[in-house]
Every structure is written in structure tokens, then in C-alpha cells.
Protein backbone atom coordinates (compact mmCIF):
# COMPACT_ATOMS: atom_id res chain seq x y z
CA MET A 1 -24.91 -20.21 -14.86
CA SER A 2 -28.03 -18.73 -16.43
CA MET A 3 -30.76 -18.98 -13.44
CA VAL A 4 -31.14 -15.73 -10.85
CA ILE A 5 -29.90 -16.87 -7.30
CA THR A 6 -30.80 -14.81 -4.30
CA ILE A 7 -28.80 -14.98 -1.32
CA LYS A 8 -30.82 -17.27 0.90
CA GLN A 9 -30.54 -19.92 -2.39
CA ALA A 10 -26.53 -19.08 -2.41
CA LEU A 11 -26.42 -20.11 1.26
CA SER A 12 -28.66 -23.05 0.73
CA GLN A 13 -25.64 -24.99 -0.94
CA ALA A 14 -23.58 -24.45 2.58
CA GLN A 15 -23.81 -28.56 2.85
CA ARG A 16 -21.38 -28.79 -0.43
CA LEU A 17 -19.05 -27.99 2.04
CA GLN A 18 -19.80 -30.93 4.57
CA GLY A 19 -17.06 -33.29 3.76
CA VAL A 20 -14.25 -30.56 3.40
CA SER A 21 -14.93 -28.70 6.65
CA GLU A 22 -16.77 -29.02 10.40
CA GLY A 23 -17.62 -25.39 10.32
CA TRP A 24 -19.22 -25.62 6.45
CA ARG A 25 -22.19 -23.40 7.16
CA LEU A 26 -19.97 -20.36 8.20
CA GLU A 27 -17.56 -21.17 5.48
CA SER A 28 -19.98 -20.61 2.84
CA GLU A 29 -21.18 -17.40 4.43
CA ILE A 30 -17.80 -16.02 4.26
CA LEU A 31 -17.22 -17.03 0.63
CA LEU A 32 -20.45 -15.08 -0.20
CA ALA A 33 -20.11 -12.11 2.34
CA HIS A 34 -17.06 -11.98 0.24
CA VAL A 35 -17.68 -11.94 -3.18
CA LEU A 36 -20.72 -9.59 -2.29
CA ASN A 37 -18.18 -7.22 -0.35
CA CYS A 38 -20.55 -6.96 2.53
CA GLU A 39 -20.40 -8.04 6.59
CA ARG A 40 -22.06 -11.45 6.85
CA GLU A 41 -24.57 -10.10 8.84
CA THR A 42 -25.96 -8.21 5.79
CA LEU A 43 -26.80 -11.95 4.11
CA PHE A 44 -29.33 -12.26 6.93
CA ALA A 45 -30.59 -8.94 6.74
CA TRP A 46 -31.35 -9.55 2.99
CA PRO A 47 -32.24 -12.79 2.16
CA ALA A 48 -34.20 -11.99 -1.08
CA GLN A 49 -31.49 -10.02 -2.41
CA GLU A 50 -30.61 -11.24 -6.10
CA LEU A 51 -26.78 -11.77 -7.06
CA SER A 52 -25.72 -10.83 -10.69
CA ARG A 53 -24.35 -13.25 -13.00
CA GLN A 54 -20.94 -12.41 -12.30
CA GLN A 55 -21.55 -12.84 -8.43
CA ALA A 56 -23.10 -16.39 -8.75
CA ASP A 57 -20.56 -17.29 -10.87
CA ALA A 58 -17.89 -16.20 -8.49
CA TYR A 59 -19.34 -17.89 -5.65
CA GLN A 60 -19.83 -20.98 -7.60
CA ASN A 61 -16.00 -20.86 -8.73
CA MET A 62 -15.02 -19.97 -4.77
CA MET A 63 -17.27 -22.82 -3.64
CA GLN A 64 -15.30 -25.55 -5.93
CA ARG A 65 -12.22 -24.53 -5.02
CA ARG A 66 -13.34 -25.07 -1.46
CA GLU A 67 -14.65 -28.39 -2.33
CA ARG A 68 -11.38 -29.06 -3.13
CA GLY A 69 -9.71 -28.68 -0.04
CA GLU A 70 -8.54 -25.21 -0.69
CA PRO A 71 -8.06 -22.97 2.54
CA ILE A 72 -10.41 -20.41 3.19
CA ALA A 73 -7.80 -17.69 3.36
CA TYR A 74 -6.17 -18.68 -0.08
CA ILE A 75 -9.50 -18.35 -1.86
CA THR A 76 -10.47 -14.81 -0.29
CA GLY A 77 -6.69 -13.87 -0.25
CA LYS A 78 -7.24 -12.47 3.37
CA LYS A 79 -6.88 -13.73 7.00
CA ALA A 80 -7.65 -11.93 10.49
CA PHE A 81 -4.85 -11.78 13.18
CA TRP A 82 -4.44 -10.09 16.31
CA ASP A 83 -6.24 -7.35 15.72
CA PHE A 84 -6.07 -6.72 12.00
CA GLU A 85 -6.56 -8.44 8.66
CA LEU A 86 -3.64 -9.50 6.47
CA LYS A 87 -3.59 -10.56 2.82
CA VAL A 88 -2.10 -14.05 2.20
CA ASN A 89 -1.39 -15.87 -0.55
CA PRO A 90 -0.01 -19.83 -1.06
CA GLN A 91 3.44 -18.36 -1.42
CA VAL A 92 3.15 -17.74 2.74
CA LEU A 93 1.70 -20.01 5.86
CA ILE A 94 -1.65 -18.47 6.84
CA PRO A 95 -1.47 -17.34 10.13
CA ARG A 96 -2.82 -19.17 13.02
CA PRO A 97 -4.75 -17.95 16.22
CA GLU A 98 -2.16 -20.28 18.35
CA THR A 99 0.52 -17.78 16.78
CA GLU A 100 -1.30 -14.71 18.70
CA LEU A 101 -0.17 -16.39 22.07
CA LEU A 102 3.65 -15.74 20.54
CA VAL A 103 2.36 -11.66 20.57
CA GLU A 104 1.01 -11.62 23.53
CA THR A 105 3.75 -12.84 25.45
CA ALA A 106 6.36 -10.99 23.62
CA ILE A 107 4.22 -7.63 24.88
CA ASN A 108 3.74 -8.93 28.33
CA LEU A 109 7.71 -9.84 28.36
CA LEU A 110 8.79 -6.14 27.36
CA GLN A 111 6.29 -4.48 29.26
CA PRO A 112 8.72 -3.13 31.89
CA LYS A 113 10.88 -1.57 29.12
CA CYS A 114 7.79 -0.79 26.94
CA SER A 115 8.88 3.18 26.86
CA ALA A 116 12.29 2.29 25.38
CA ALA A 117 13.18 2.52 21.64
CA LEU A 118 13.60 -1.32 21.77
CA ARG A 119 14.91 -3.48 18.67
CA LEU A 120 12.92 -6.57 17.43
CA ALA A 121 13.26 -9.41 15.02
CA ASP A 122 10.80 -11.96 13.64
CA LEU A 123 12.72 -14.67 11.98
CA GLY A 124 10.49 -16.55 9.26
CA THR A 125 8.29 -13.58 8.84
CA GLY A 126 5.82 -14.87 6.14
CA SER A 127 3.02 -12.50 5.98
CA GLY A 128 4.21 -10.34 8.25
CA ALA A 129 1.51 -11.29 11.04
CA ILE A 130 3.81 -11.39 14.06
CA ALA A 131 6.29 -8.51 13.27
CA LEU A 132 3.48 -6.07 12.42
CA ALA A 133 1.43 -7.00 15.65
CA LEU A 134 4.59 -6.27 17.63
CA ALA A 135 5.66 -2.87 15.37
CA ARG A 136 1.64 -1.56 15.70
CA HIS A 137 2.04 -2.38 19.64
CA ARG A 138 4.57 0.47 19.94
CA LYS A 139 5.25 2.73 17.17
CA HIS A 140 8.76 3.20 19.00
CA TRP A 141 9.97 0.11 18.73
CA ARG A 142 11.88 -1.00 15.75
CA ILE A 143 11.23 -4.49 14.02
CA THR A 144 13.35 -6.17 11.71
CA ALA A 145 10.90 -8.91 9.45
CA VAL A 146 13.36 -11.36 8.15
CA ASP A 147 12.28 -14.29 5.85
CA ILE A 148 14.30 -16.43 2.92
CA SER A 149 11.62 -16.21 0.49
CA PRO A 150 11.62 -12.69 -1.48
CA GLN A 151 7.81 -13.58 -2.51
CA ALA A 152 6.69 -13.46 1.47
CA LEU A 153 8.49 -10.55 2.00
CA ALA A 154 6.86 -8.37 -0.34
CA LEU A 155 3.37 -9.75 0.63
CA ALA A 156 4.70 -8.82 3.99
CA ALA A 157 5.79 -5.14 2.90
CA GLU A 158 2.66 -4.99 1.40
CA ASN A 159 0.92 -5.43 4.17
CA ALA A 160 2.85 -3.06 5.92
CA GLN A 161 2.30 -0.59 3.84
CA LEU A 162 -1.85 -1.27 3.70
CA LEU A 163 -1.83 -1.13 7.76
CA GLN A 164 0.22 2.29 7.49
CA VAL A 165 3.09 0.37 9.73
CA GLU A 166 6.37 2.49 9.55
CA ASN A 167 8.81 1.25 12.24
CA ILE A 168 9.54 -2.06 10.39
CA GLU A 169 12.30 -3.06 7.76
CA PHE A 170 12.09 -5.98 5.62
CA CYS A 171 15.56 -8.57 5.31
CA GLU A 172 16.01 -11.12 3.00
CA SER A 173 17.82 -13.79 4.73
CA SER A 174 18.30 -17.17 6.19
CA TRP A 175 16.95 -16.87 10.09
CA CYS A 176 19.53 -14.08 11.66
CA ASP A 177 22.41 -14.32 9.10
CA GLY A 178 23.38 -10.69 8.50
CA LEU A 179 21.75 -9.32 11.42
CA ASP A 180 23.31 -7.05 13.65
CA ALA A 181 25.54 -8.63 16.00
CA ARG A 182 23.77 -8.05 20.10
CA ALA A 183 21.43 -5.82 18.99
CA TYR A 184 17.96 -7.25 19.72
CA ASP A 185 16.22 -6.99 22.80
CA LEU A 186 13.58 -9.80 21.82
CA VAL A 187 13.88 -12.27 18.85
CA ALA A 188 10.64 -14.17 18.13
CA ALA A 189 10.44 -17.22 15.16
CA ASN A 190 7.40 -19.68 14.30
CA PRO A 191 9.77 -21.79 12.10
CA PRO A 192 8.80 -25.18 10.30
CA TYR A 193 8.50 -27.69 13.06
CA VAL A 194 6.82 -30.66 11.40
CA ALA A 195 8.65 -33.58 10.47
CA VAL A 196 9.17 -33.84 6.99
CA GLY A 197 7.41 -37.22 5.50
CA ASP A 198 4.46 -36.43 8.78
CA ARG A 199 1.23 -37.67 7.50
CA HIS A 200 -0.34 -34.65 8.65
CA LEU A 201 1.63 -32.63 5.58
CA GLN A 202 -0.50 -34.81 3.25
CA GLN A 203 -4.05 -33.16 5.30
CA GLY A 204 -6.29 -30.73 4.98
CA ASP A 205 -5.08 -27.23 4.45
CA LEU A 206 -1.78 -28.18 5.09
CA ARG A 207 -1.74 -29.89 1.33
CA PHE A 208 -2.09 -26.35 -0.05
CA GLU A 209 0.32 -24.35 1.92
CA PRO A 210 3.88 -23.81 1.37
CA SER A 211 6.24 -27.03 2.90
CA ILE A 212 9.31 -24.62 3.20
CA ALA A 213 7.35 -23.56 5.83
CA LEU A 214 6.07 -25.97 7.72
CA ALA A 215 8.13 -29.27 7.39
CA ALA A 216 12.10 -29.53 8.82
CA GLU A 217 14.46 -32.17 9.21
CA ALA A 218 15.77 -33.89 11.99
CA SER A 219 12.06 -34.78 13.35
CA GLY A 220 11.25 -31.05 13.10
CA LEU A 221 13.93 -30.04 14.84
CA SER A 222 16.05 -28.76 12.44
CA HIS A 223 15.44 -25.17 12.25
CA LEU A 224 14.78 -24.81 15.68
CA GLN A 225 18.59 -26.00 16.40
CA GLU A 226 19.55 -23.40 13.94
CA ILE A 227 17.81 -20.47 15.49
CA VAL A 228 18.71 -21.42 18.91
CA LYS A 229 22.30 -21.40 18.31
CA LYS A 230 22.47 -18.30 15.96
CA CYS A 231 20.56 -16.14 17.68
CA ARG A 232 23.13 -15.98 20.30
CA LYS A 233 25.15 -13.51 18.26
CA ILE A 234 22.26 -11.23 17.55
CA LEU A 235 20.61 -10.95 21.02
CA LYS A 236 21.53 -8.70 24.04
CA LYS A 237 22.47 -10.35 27.29
CA GLU A 238 19.34 -11.41 28.92
CA ALA A 239 17.35 -10.41 25.74
CA TRP A 240 14.27 -12.76 25.18
CA LEU A 241 14.16 -15.42 22.56
CA LEU A 242 10.36 -17.03 21.82
CA LEU A 243 10.07 -20.26 19.41
CA GLU A 244 6.98 -21.72 18.55
CA HIS A 245 7.05 -25.29 18.16
CA GLY A 246 5.27 -28.49 17.90
CA PHE A 247 2.80 -30.07 20.52
CA ASP A 248 5.55 -32.73 21.28
CA GLN A 249 8.42 -30.66 21.37
CA LYS A 250 8.68 -29.04 24.74
CA GLN A 251 11.40 -30.79 26.26
CA ALA A 252 13.64 -30.94 22.82
CA VAL A 253 13.45 -27.27 22.80
CA SER A 254 14.10 -26.86 26.15
CA ASN A 255 17.36 -29.14 26.26
CA LEU A 256 18.45 -26.80 22.98
CA LEU A 257 18.09 -23.93 24.73
CA ARG A 258 19.91 -25.14 28.05
CA ASP A 259 22.78 -26.44 26.05
CA ALA A 260 23.47 -23.17 24.35
CA GLY A 261 23.34 -21.43 27.49
CA TYR A 262 20.03 -19.81 27.82
CA SER A 263 18.68 -19.15 30.91
CA ASN A 264 14.73 -18.73 32.61
CA ILE A 265 13.53 -21.70 30.01
CA SER A 266 9.48 -21.84 30.42
CA CYS A 267 6.76 -22.90 28.14
CA ALA A 268 3.59 -21.56 27.27
CA VAL A 269 0.33 -23.62 26.71
CA ASP A 270 -2.26 -22.28 23.92
CA LEU A 271 -5.59 -22.01 24.21
CA ALA A 272 -6.37 -25.31 23.28
CA GLY A 273 -3.88 -26.46 26.42
CA VAL A 274 -1.30 -27.30 24.08
CA ASP A 275 2.45 -26.53 24.82
CA ARG A 276 3.18 -24.28 22.03
CA LEU A 277 5.81 -21.70 22.78
CA THR A 278 8.98 -21.57 24.53
CA CYS A 279 10.81 -18.51 25.93
CA ALA A 280 14.29 -18.12 27.41
CA GLN A 281 16.79 -15.34 27.89
CA SER A 282 19.95 -15.07 26.28
CA PRO A 283 23.70 -15.95 27.47
CA GLY A 284 25.07 -12.57 25.79
């Protein structure tokens, strides 16, 4: 592109994204701020500032990627979660705001024992979002972040390094295989829970995300079932299991837990009022 463009002119291209996103204006601002390595506020303070050739090309490239539907987080390589920012890439699921409910609930449940040196596990850690939020909350908690994907674990470890989190260890494993027996005070998991073949997997951002992190057999319940069963071995007596699940899986998850002998089963709703998270205490 040979012509020089200003910040204002670059932002005027925002409507190119109208077909992809309701937040098209905001998204063009996020992409431009990323290219210019500045805050979004700066864009409005200096509308006449010109982009270098390199910046203009980079912006065009990112806008094209977004027009094709690629998620913003993969284009910029980062995503805000809880009170920090994570590096993300197409090897991992993009952390969702609704998953912050899992972190918040874990912290509330552990509040009475928060000064103890607790052991926690995050199964299917992906970018490390849940594990890092919990590790940052209490430096004397020990967190085990588990994932079956070595690429995901490498990224989670990189995020831990960038955030200078040291009370965390990484374990390449299928759910809780190989974790210490009766060792954990709380286990959190946001497993794949969308049914294989669900039409949503072919829509929007989900088309670009790793299907291994999204879809599950048995109407989306196969991984939840396995976690409920296997966590009995690694949880201390009356320790907590927290499971994120689909909007219509509350009853099924509750039944799985009850049948496996868990008690104190309750479901929490996310900000949209959707059944999102079920907690229960281990039979031990």
C-alpha cells in the first residue's frame, strides 16, 4: 500500500468487520492499538498521526484475518483474563470471561483455609488461565497445571514466566492420571463439553479453536464423566471439585457427581444467568 494513512483514516475502515462482529468498531481499535503498540485512548488523542508503511501493512493484514473470522485473540496473540494478560495461540482455547466464575468460586470456597498451604490442580489448563489466577491469589498455595497437549503446557509455562509466578508446576497428562493420591484440596476443570458434531463448532470463533479443547463424546459429557470418577482418587476427603459445563448440562453433571458419591452439590450461574459451574465435595 503506497498511500500514507492517518490513525483516523485507518479507523474509518472499521465497517469492514461489520459482517463478522457486533463489536466491529471496538475490534478495529484493538487491532490498530496493537499495531501501534499504544493504548486505545491514544488513537483518539492523535487522530492525524500517520502510520508507517510497515504499520499500515500490518494493520491491513490483521483486518483481513479478522474479516475471515479469525478471533482477535489469535491475531494479537493475547487475551485479558482475571486481572492479567495471557499469551494465546491457536494451540489453546481462548480464555472466556465466564470462566472467571470458576476462579472466583474457588477463592470463595477456600477462604476459610486461605492461610494454609493448600494444593490445587487445574485440569486441562490450556493457556494457564485458571491455574495462574489461583497461583497469583495466594503465593503459598501450590498449583498443578495439567494438560494432555505439550504445546499448551509450553505456552502455560511461558505465561507463568512472564507473570513471574513460581508456585506452579506443569504436568503432561490426561486429566488427573499420575497425580498424587488424596493430595488435593481443590480441583478445577474446564473440560471440552460441546457435543461432537454440534453445529456451533462450525460458527464464529469456534471454527479456529482446537476441537480437542471443545468437543466431547456422549453428548459432551464424556470428559466430565471421566474427571468426576478419577478425581475421587486425588481429592482429600471433603475437598472441592469445580466443573465448568454447558448451559444445559446442570442436571446431567449433578447426577454424575451424586452417583459417584460426592456431596454438597450446587450449581452457579454466570453473568448472563446461564448455568455454568457445578461444585461438589469429594467422598474421600
